[in-house]
Amino acid sequence: MENPYQAPVVSTRKRFKAGAFGPLLLRLAILAFCSIQFLSLTAQLLGNWSVISEAISSGVISPLRVATGLMFAVVLMIAGVLLLFSRKESIWLLAVYLVYQSYWFFATPVQSARILGLASLVCLAGCMVYAVRLKQAGQLR
């Protein structure tokens, strides 16, 4: 029999459900996807800068095209960070990048680049769906 005058025993250990980390892990995965896209494009630009600058000087590639690619990579990175912190502005930035990625996918004649572009489009569409669902649930600020 328990002593009625004794204080109840309260566990001080917090119990975490396995599903409690799901949304955070998904947001971190989206941030990783955005970071990989950004770092990949930046590495391509820096690694091939001599070839790119030669192509720009000969008129094969427009400097605006190079700057646009880097700008959209930065937009995607910012969208990933905003989605990590549950900001509703991330939806607009993801939509803008989705349009750019779609254009790039259809304009690229190289088959291997198209496969990577399709994978990127699928991941990006998943990010958009997740962001819209968060907005519908009222979890975006």
N, C-alpha and C. Protein backbone atom coordinates (compact mmCIF):
# COMPACT_ATOMS: atom_id res chain seq x y z
N MET A 1 0.84 -1.16 0.00
CA MET A 1 0.00 0.00 0.00
C MET A 1 0.90 1.23 0.00
N GLU A 2 0.47 2.26 -0.75
CA GLU A 2 1.26 3.48 -0.86
C GLU A 2 0.98 4.39 0.33
N ASN A 3 2.00 5.17 0.66
CA ASN A 3 1.86 6.14 1.72
C ASN A 3 1.15 7.38 1.18
N PRO A 4 0.00 7.75 1.70
CA PRO A 4 -0.73 8.90 1.16
C PRO A 4 -0.05 10.24 1.47
N TYR A 5 0.89 10.25 2.40
CA TYR A 5 1.55 11.50 2.77
C TYR A 5 2.86 11.71 2.01
N GLN A 6 3.25 10.73 1.24
CA GLN A 6 4.48 10.83 0.47
C GLN A 6 4.18 11.52 -0.86
N ALA A 7 5.12 12.36 -1.30
CA ALA A 7 4.96 13.05 -2.57
C ALA A 7 4.97 12.03 -3.70
N PRO A 8 4.18 12.28 -4.73
CA PRO A 8 4.15 11.32 -5.83
C PRO A 8 5.49 11.32 -6.58
N VAL A 9 5.84 10.19 -7.10
CA VAL A 9 7.08 10.04 -7.84
C VAL A 9 6.81 10.52 -9.28
N VAL A 10 7.59 11.51 -9.68
CA VAL A 10 7.46 12.07 -11.03
C VAL A 10 8.75 11.80 -11.78
N SER A 11 8.62 11.26 -12.93
CA SER A 11 9.79 10.98 -13.74
C SER A 11 10.30 12.29 -14.35
N THR A 12 11.58 12.53 -14.22
CA THR A 12 12.16 13.75 -14.79
C THR A 12 12.71 13.52 -16.19
N ARG A 13 12.72 12.29 -16.62
CA ARG A 13 13.20 12.00 -17.96
C ARG A 13 12.11 12.30 -18.97
N LYS A 14 12.49 13.02 -20.01
CA LYS A 14 11.54 13.32 -21.06
C LYS A 14 11.55 12.17 -22.05
N ARG A 15 10.39 11.86 -22.50
CA ARG A 15 10.28 10.80 -23.49
C ARG A 15 9.94 11.44 -24.82
N PHE A 16 10.72 11.08 -25.80
CA PHE A 16 10.50 11.60 -27.15
C PHE A 16 9.92 10.50 -28.01
N LYS A 17 8.92 10.87 -28.76
CA LYS A 17 8.36 9.93 -29.72
C LYS A 17 9.26 9.89 -30.94
N ALA A 18 9.26 8.78 -31.60
CA ALA A 18 10.08 8.66 -32.81
C ALA A 18 9.58 9.60 -33.89
N GLY A 19 8.29 9.88 -33.93
CA GLY A 19 7.73 10.76 -34.94
C GLY A 19 7.93 12.23 -34.65
N ALA A 20 8.42 12.57 -33.49
CA ALA A 20 8.59 13.98 -33.13
C ALA A 20 9.71 14.62 -33.94
N PHE A 21 10.65 13.84 -34.38
CA PHE A 21 11.77 14.38 -35.15
C PHE A 21 11.52 14.33 -36.66
N GLY A 22 10.42 13.75 -37.07
CA GLY A 22 10.12 13.61 -38.50
C GLY A 22 10.10 14.92 -39.26
N PRO A 23 9.30 15.91 -38.82
CA PRO A 23 9.28 17.17 -39.56
C PRO A 23 10.63 17.88 -39.59
N LEU A 24 11.35 17.83 -38.49
CA LEU A 24 12.66 18.47 -38.46
C LEU A 24 13.63 17.77 -39.41
N LEU A 25 13.60 16.45 -39.42
CA LEU A 25 14.49 15.71 -40.32
C LEU A 25 14.12 15.97 -41.78
N LEU A 26 12.83 16.08 -42.06
CA LEU A 26 12.41 16.38 -43.43
C LEU A 26 12.87 17.77 -43.84
N ARG A 27 12.76 18.74 -42.95
CA ARG A 27 13.22 20.09 -43.26
C ARG A 27 14.73 20.13 -43.44
N LEU A 28 15.44 19.37 -42.63
CA LEU A 28 16.90 19.30 -42.80
C LEU A 28 17.27 18.62 -44.11
N ALA A 29 16.49 17.61 -44.52
CA ALA A 29 16.75 16.96 -45.80
C ALA A 29 16.50 17.94 -46.95
N ILE A 30 15.46 18.76 -46.84
CA ILE A 30 15.18 19.77 -47.86
C ILE A 30 16.32 20.79 -47.90
N LEU A 31 16.79 21.19 -46.74
CA LEU A 31 17.92 22.12 -46.69
C LEU A 31 19.16 21.50 -47.32
N ALA A 32 19.38 20.21 -47.07
CA ALA A 32 20.53 19.52 -47.67
C ALA A 32 20.38 19.47 -49.19
N PHE A 33 19.18 19.21 -49.68
CA PHE A 33 18.93 19.20 -51.12
C PHE A 33 19.25 20.57 -51.72
N CYS A 34 18.78 21.61 -51.08
CA CYS A 34 19.03 22.97 -51.57
C CYS A 34 20.52 23.30 -51.52
N SER A 35 21.18 22.88 -50.47
CA SER A 35 22.61 23.15 -50.32
C SER A 35 23.42 22.41 -51.38
N ILE A 36 23.05 21.18 -51.65
CA ILE A 36 23.78 20.40 -52.65
C ILE A 36 23.63 21.03 -54.03
N GLN A 37 22.42 21.50 -54.34
CA GLN A 37 22.22 22.17 -55.62
C GLN A 37 23.10 23.42 -55.71
N PHE A 38 23.10 24.21 -54.64
CA PHE A 38 23.88 25.45 -54.62
C PHE A 38 25.38 25.15 -54.73
N LEU A 39 25.85 24.22 -53.92
CA LEU A 39 27.28 23.91 -53.93
C LEU A 39 27.72 23.27 -55.25
N SER A 40 26.84 22.48 -55.85
CA SER A 40 27.17 21.86 -57.12
C SER A 40 27.35 22.90 -58.21
N LEU A 41 26.44 23.84 -58.30
CA LEU A 41 26.56 24.87 -59.33
C LEU A 41 27.76 25.77 -59.07
N THR A 42 27.99 26.13 -57.82
CA THR A 42 29.13 26.97 -57.48
C THR A 42 30.45 26.26 -57.81
N ALA A 43 30.52 24.97 -57.50
CA ALA A 43 31.73 24.20 -57.80
C ALA A 43 31.96 24.09 -59.30
N GLN A 44 30.86 23.92 -60.06
CA GLN A 44 31.01 23.86 -61.51
C GLN A 44 31.51 25.18 -62.06
N LEU A 45 30.97 26.28 -61.54
CA LEU A 45 31.42 27.59 -62.01
C LEU A 45 32.87 27.85 -61.67
N LEU A 46 33.26 27.56 -60.44
CA LEU A 46 34.63 27.82 -60.03
C LEU A 46 35.62 26.84 -60.64
N GLY A 47 35.22 25.58 -60.78
CA GLY A 47 36.11 24.57 -61.33
C GLY A 47 36.36 24.75 -62.81
N ASN A 48 35.38 25.27 -63.50
CA ASN A 48 35.50 25.46 -64.94
C ASN A 48 35.57 26.94 -65.30
N TRP A 49 36.06 27.75 -64.39
CA TRP A 49 36.02 29.19 -64.63
C TRP A 49 36.84 29.61 -65.85
N SER A 50 37.98 28.96 -66.08
CA SER A 50 38.79 29.34 -67.25
C SER A 50 38.05 29.03 -68.55
N VAL A 51 37.38 27.90 -68.59
CA VAL A 51 36.61 27.54 -69.79
C VAL A 51 35.41 28.47 -69.94
N ILE A 52 34.75 28.76 -68.82
CA ILE A 52 33.57 29.63 -68.87
C ILE A 52 33.95 31.04 -69.27
N SER A 53 35.04 31.56 -68.70
CA SER A 53 35.44 32.92 -69.06
C SER A 53 35.88 33.00 -70.52
N GLU A 54 36.51 31.94 -71.02
CA GLU A 54 36.88 31.90 -72.43
C GLU A 54 35.64 31.86 -73.33
N ALA A 55 34.63 31.09 -72.91
CA ALA A 55 33.37 31.01 -73.67
C ALA A 55 32.62 32.34 -73.63
N ILE A 56 32.71 33.05 -72.50
CA ILE A 56 32.07 34.36 -72.39
C ILE A 56 32.78 35.36 -73.30
N SER A 57 34.10 35.34 -73.29
CA SER A 57 34.85 36.30 -74.13
C SER A 57 34.68 36.02 -75.62
N SER A 58 34.48 34.75 -75.98
CA SER A 58 34.27 34.44 -77.40
C SER A 58 32.81 34.60 -77.82
N GLY A 59 31.92 34.82 -76.88
CA GLY A 59 30.51 35.06 -77.19
C GLY A 59 29.66 33.81 -77.26
N VAL A 60 30.20 32.66 -76.87
CA VAL A 60 29.43 31.41 -76.88
C VAL A 60 28.39 31.41 -75.75
N ILE A 61 28.79 31.88 -74.60
CA ILE A 61 27.91 31.94 -73.43
C ILE A 61 27.76 33.41 -73.03
N SER A 62 26.55 33.76 -72.69
CA SER A 62 26.29 35.12 -72.23
C SER A 62 26.66 35.23 -70.75
N PRO A 63 27.29 36.34 -70.33
CA PRO A 63 27.57 36.50 -68.90
C PRO A 63 26.30 36.56 -68.09
N LEU A 64 25.21 37.01 -68.72
CA LEU A 64 23.92 37.05 -68.04
C LEU A 64 23.44 35.64 -67.71
N ARG A 65 23.71 34.69 -68.58
CA ARG A 65 23.29 33.31 -68.34
C ARG A 65 24.03 32.71 -67.15
N VAL A 66 25.31 32.99 -67.05
CA VAL A 66 26.10 32.50 -65.92
C VAL A 66 25.61 33.14 -64.62
N ALA A 67 25.38 34.45 -64.66
CA ALA A 67 24.90 35.15 -63.47
C ALA A 67 23.51 34.68 -63.08
N THR A 68 22.67 34.40 -64.06
CA THR A 68 21.32 33.92 -63.78
C THR A 68 21.36 32.56 -63.10
N GLY A 69 22.20 31.67 -63.57
CA GLY A 69 22.33 30.36 -62.95
C GLY A 69 22.77 30.45 -61.51
N LEU A 70 23.75 31.30 -61.25
CA LEU A 70 24.22 31.47 -59.88
C LEU A 70 23.16 32.13 -59.01
N MET A 71 22.42 33.10 -59.57
CA MET A 71 21.36 33.77 -58.80
C MET A 71 20.26 32.79 -58.41
N PHE A 72 19.87 31.92 -59.34
CA PHE A 72 18.82 30.95 -59.01
C PHE A 72 19.31 29.92 -58.00
N ALA A 73 20.58 29.59 -58.01
CA ALA A 73 21.12 28.69 -56.99
C ALA A 73 21.06 29.35 -55.62
N VAL A 74 21.35 30.64 -55.55
CA VAL A 74 21.25 31.38 -54.28
C VAL A 74 19.79 31.45 -53.84
N VAL A 75 18.86 31.65 -54.78
CA VAL A 75 17.43 31.69 -54.46
C VAL A 75 16.99 30.36 -53.85
N LEU A 76 17.44 29.25 -54.42
CA LEU A 76 17.09 27.94 -53.87
C LEU A 76 17.66 27.75 -52.47
N MET A 77 18.88 28.20 -52.26
CA MET A 77 19.49 28.07 -50.94
C MET A 77 18.71 28.88 -49.91
N ILE A 78 18.33 30.09 -50.26
CA ILE A 78 17.54 30.92 -49.35
C ILE A 78 16.18 30.28 -49.08
N ALA A 79 15.57 29.69 -50.10
CA ALA A 79 14.28 29.02 -49.93
C ALA A 79 14.40 27.85 -48.95
N GLY A 80 15.48 27.10 -49.04
CA GLY A 80 15.69 26.00 -48.10
C GLY A 80 15.85 26.48 -46.67
N VAL A 81 16.57 27.56 -46.49
CA VAL A 81 16.74 28.12 -45.13
C VAL A 81 15.42 28.65 -44.61
N LEU A 82 14.65 29.34 -45.45
CA LEU A 82 13.35 29.86 -45.01
C LEU A 82 12.38 28.74 -44.67
N LEU A 83 12.41 27.65 -45.43
CA LEU A 83 11.54 26.52 -45.13
C LEU A 83 11.96 25.84 -43.84
N LEU A 84 13.24 25.81 -43.56
CA LEU A 84 13.72 25.23 -42.31
C LEU A 84 13.15 25.99 -41.11
N PHE A 85 13.04 27.31 -41.25
CA PHE A 85 12.52 28.13 -40.16
C PHE A 85 11.03 28.44 -40.31
N SER A 86 10.32 27.66 -41.13
CA SER A 86 8.87 27.75 -41.30
C SER A 86 8.40 29.12 -41.73
N ARG A 87 9.03 29.67 -42.72
CA ARG A 87 8.62 30.98 -43.26
C ARG A 87 7.83 30.76 -44.54
N LYS A 88 6.71 31.46 -44.69
CA LYS A 88 5.86 31.26 -45.87
C LYS A 88 6.46 31.82 -47.15
N GLU A 89 7.47 32.68 -47.04
CA GLU A 89 8.13 33.21 -48.23
C GLU A 89 8.85 32.12 -49.02
N SER A 90 9.12 31.00 -48.37
CA SER A 90 9.83 29.91 -49.04
C SER A 90 9.02 29.35 -50.20
N ILE A 91 7.71 29.41 -50.12
CA ILE A 91 6.87 28.87 -51.19
C ILE A 91 7.11 29.64 -52.49
N TRP A 92 7.19 30.96 -52.39
CA TRP A 92 7.40 31.77 -53.60
C TRP A 92 8.77 31.52 -54.20
N LEU A 93 9.77 31.42 -53.36
CA LEU A 93 11.11 31.17 -53.88
C LEU A 93 11.23 29.78 -54.50
N LEU A 94 10.58 28.79 -53.89
CA LEU A 94 10.58 27.46 -54.48
C LEU A 94 9.83 27.45 -55.82
N ALA A 95 8.75 28.21 -55.91
CA ALA A 95 7.99 28.29 -57.17
C ALA A 95 8.84 28.93 -58.27
N VAL A 96 9.57 29.98 -57.91
CA VAL A 96 10.44 30.64 -58.89
C VAL A 96 11.51 29.67 -59.37
N TYR A 97 12.11 28.94 -58.46
CA TYR A 97 13.15 28.00 -58.86
C TYR A 97 12.57 26.83 -59.65
N LEU A 98 11.35 26.44 -59.36
CA LEU A 98 10.71 25.37 -60.10
C LEU A 98 10.54 25.76 -61.57
N VAL A 99 10.17 27.02 -61.80
CA VAL A 99 10.05 27.51 -63.19
C VAL A 99 11.42 27.48 -63.88
N TYR A 100 12.45 27.96 -63.18
CA TYR A 100 13.79 27.97 -63.76
C TYR A 100 14.27 26.55 -64.04
N GLN A 101 14.05 25.64 -63.10
CA GLN A 101 14.50 24.26 -63.27
C GLN A 101 13.76 23.58 -64.42
N SER A 102 12.48 23.88 -64.58
CA SER A 102 11.71 23.33 -65.69
C SER A 102 12.25 23.83 -67.03
N TYR A 103 12.55 25.11 -67.10
CA TYR A 103 13.13 25.67 -68.33
C TYR A 103 14.47 25.00 -68.64
N TRP A 104 15.30 24.87 -67.61
CA TRP A 104 16.61 24.25 -67.81
C TRP A 104 16.47 22.80 -68.26
N PHE A 105 15.51 22.09 -67.68
CA PHE A 105 15.29 20.68 -68.03
C PHE A 105 14.91 20.54 -69.50
N PHE A 106 14.01 21.37 -69.99
CA PHE A 106 13.56 21.24 -71.37
C PHE A 106 14.54 21.83 -72.37
N ALA A 107 15.42 22.74 -71.94
CA ALA A 107 16.37 23.37 -72.84
C ALA A 107 17.68 22.59 -72.97
N THR A 108 17.93 21.64 -72.09
CA THR A 108 19.19 20.90 -72.11
C THR A 108 19.12 19.74 -73.08
N PRO A 109 20.04 19.69 -74.05
CA PRO A 109 20.00 18.59 -75.02
C PRO A 109 20.74 17.33 -74.54
N VAL A 110 21.56 17.44 -73.52
CA VAL A 110 22.37 16.31 -73.05
C VAL A 110 21.49 15.38 -72.21
N GLN A 111 21.49 14.09 -72.56
CA GLN A 111 20.61 13.12 -71.91
C GLN A 111 20.95 12.93 -70.43
N SER A 112 22.23 12.83 -70.10
CA SER A 112 22.60 12.62 -68.69
C SER A 112 22.22 13.82 -67.83
N ALA A 113 22.35 15.01 -68.38
CA ALA A 113 21.94 16.21 -67.65
C ALA A 113 20.43 16.27 -67.49
N ARG A 114 19.70 15.73 -68.46
CA ARG A 114 18.24 15.71 -68.35
C ARG A 114 17.79 14.75 -67.25
N ILE A 115 18.50 13.65 -67.08
CA ILE A 115 18.15 12.70 -66.01
C ILE A 115 18.35 13.36 -64.65
N LEU A 116 19.47 14.03 -64.48
CA LEU A 116 19.70 14.76 -63.23
C LEU A 116 18.70 15.88 -63.05
N GLY A 117 18.34 16.56 -64.12
CA GLY A 117 17.34 17.61 -64.06
C GLY A 117 15.98 17.08 -63.67
N LEU A 118 15.62 15.90 -64.16
CA LEU A 118 14.35 15.29 -63.80
C LEU A 118 14.33 14.90 -62.32
N ALA A 119 15.44 14.36 -61.84
CA ALA A 119 15.53 14.02 -60.41
C ALA A 119 15.41 15.28 -59.55
N SER A 120 16.03 16.34 -60.01
CA SER A 120 15.95 17.61 -59.29
C SER A 120 14.53 18.16 -59.31
N LEU A 121 13.85 18.04 -60.45
CA LEU A 121 12.46 18.50 -60.54
C LEU A 121 11.55 17.72 -59.60
N VAL A 122 11.77 16.42 -59.50
CA VAL A 122 10.95 15.60 -58.60
C VAL A 122 11.18 16.01 -57.15
N CYS A 123 12.44 16.20 -56.76
CA CYS A 123 12.74 16.64 -55.40
C CYS A 123 12.17 18.03 -55.12
N LEU A 124 12.27 18.90 -56.09
CA LEU A 124 11.76 20.25 -55.94
C LEU A 124 10.24 20.26 -55.83
N ALA A 125 9.58 19.42 -56.61
CA ALA A 125 8.12 19.31 -56.51
C ALA A 125 7.72 18.78 -55.13
N GLY A 126 8.49 17.84 -54.60
CA GLY A 126 8.23 17.35 -53.24
C GLY A 126 8.39 18.44 -52.21
N CYS A 127 9.40 19.28 -52.37
CA CYS A 127 9.59 20.41 -51.46
C CYS A 127 8.40 21.37 -51.52
N MET A 128 7.92 21.61 -52.74
CA MET A 128 6.76 22.50 -52.91
C MET A 128 5.52 21.92 -52.24
N VAL A 129 5.28 20.63 -52.44
CA VAL A 129 4.12 19.98 -51.83
C VAL A 129 4.21 20.07 -50.31
N TYR A 130 5.39 19.82 -49.77
CA TYR A 130 5.58 19.89 -48.31
C TYR A 130 5.33 21.30 -47.81
N ALA A 131 5.83 22.30 -48.51
CA ALA A 131 5.65 23.69 -48.08
C ALA A 131 4.17 24.10 -48.16
N VAL A 132 3.48 23.67 -49.20
CA VAL A 132 2.06 24.00 -49.32
C VAL A 132 1.25 23.30 -48.24
N ARG A 133 1.59 22.06 -47.93
CA ARG A 133 0.89 21.36 -46.85
C ARG A 133 1.13 22.03 -45.49
N LEU A 134 2.34 22.51 -45.27
CA LEU A 134 2.61 23.24 -44.03
C LEU A 134 1.79 24.52 -43.98
N LYS A 135 1.65 25.18 -45.11
CA LYS A 135 0.85 26.42 -45.16
C LYS A 135 -0.61 26.11 -44.88
N GLN A 136 -1.13 25.03 -45.47
CA GLN A 136 -2.52 24.66 -45.24
C GLN A 136 -2.77 24.27 -43.79
N ALA A 137 -1.77 23.70 -43.15
CA ALA A 137 -1.89 23.33 -41.74
C ALA A 137 -1.69 24.53 -40.81
N GLY A 138 -1.31 25.65 -41.38
CA GLY A 138 -1.10 26.84 -40.56
C GLY A 138 0.20 26.85 -39.79
N GLN A 139 1.18 26.08 -40.24
CA GLN A 139 2.44 26.00 -39.52
C GLN A 139 3.52 26.90 -40.09
N LEU A 140 3.23 27.59 -41.19
CA LEU A 140 4.19 28.55 -41.72
C LEU A 140 3.85 29.94 -41.20
N ARG A 141 4.89 30.65 -40.80
CA ARG A 141 4.69 32.02 -40.30
C ARG A 141 4.91 33.01 -41.38
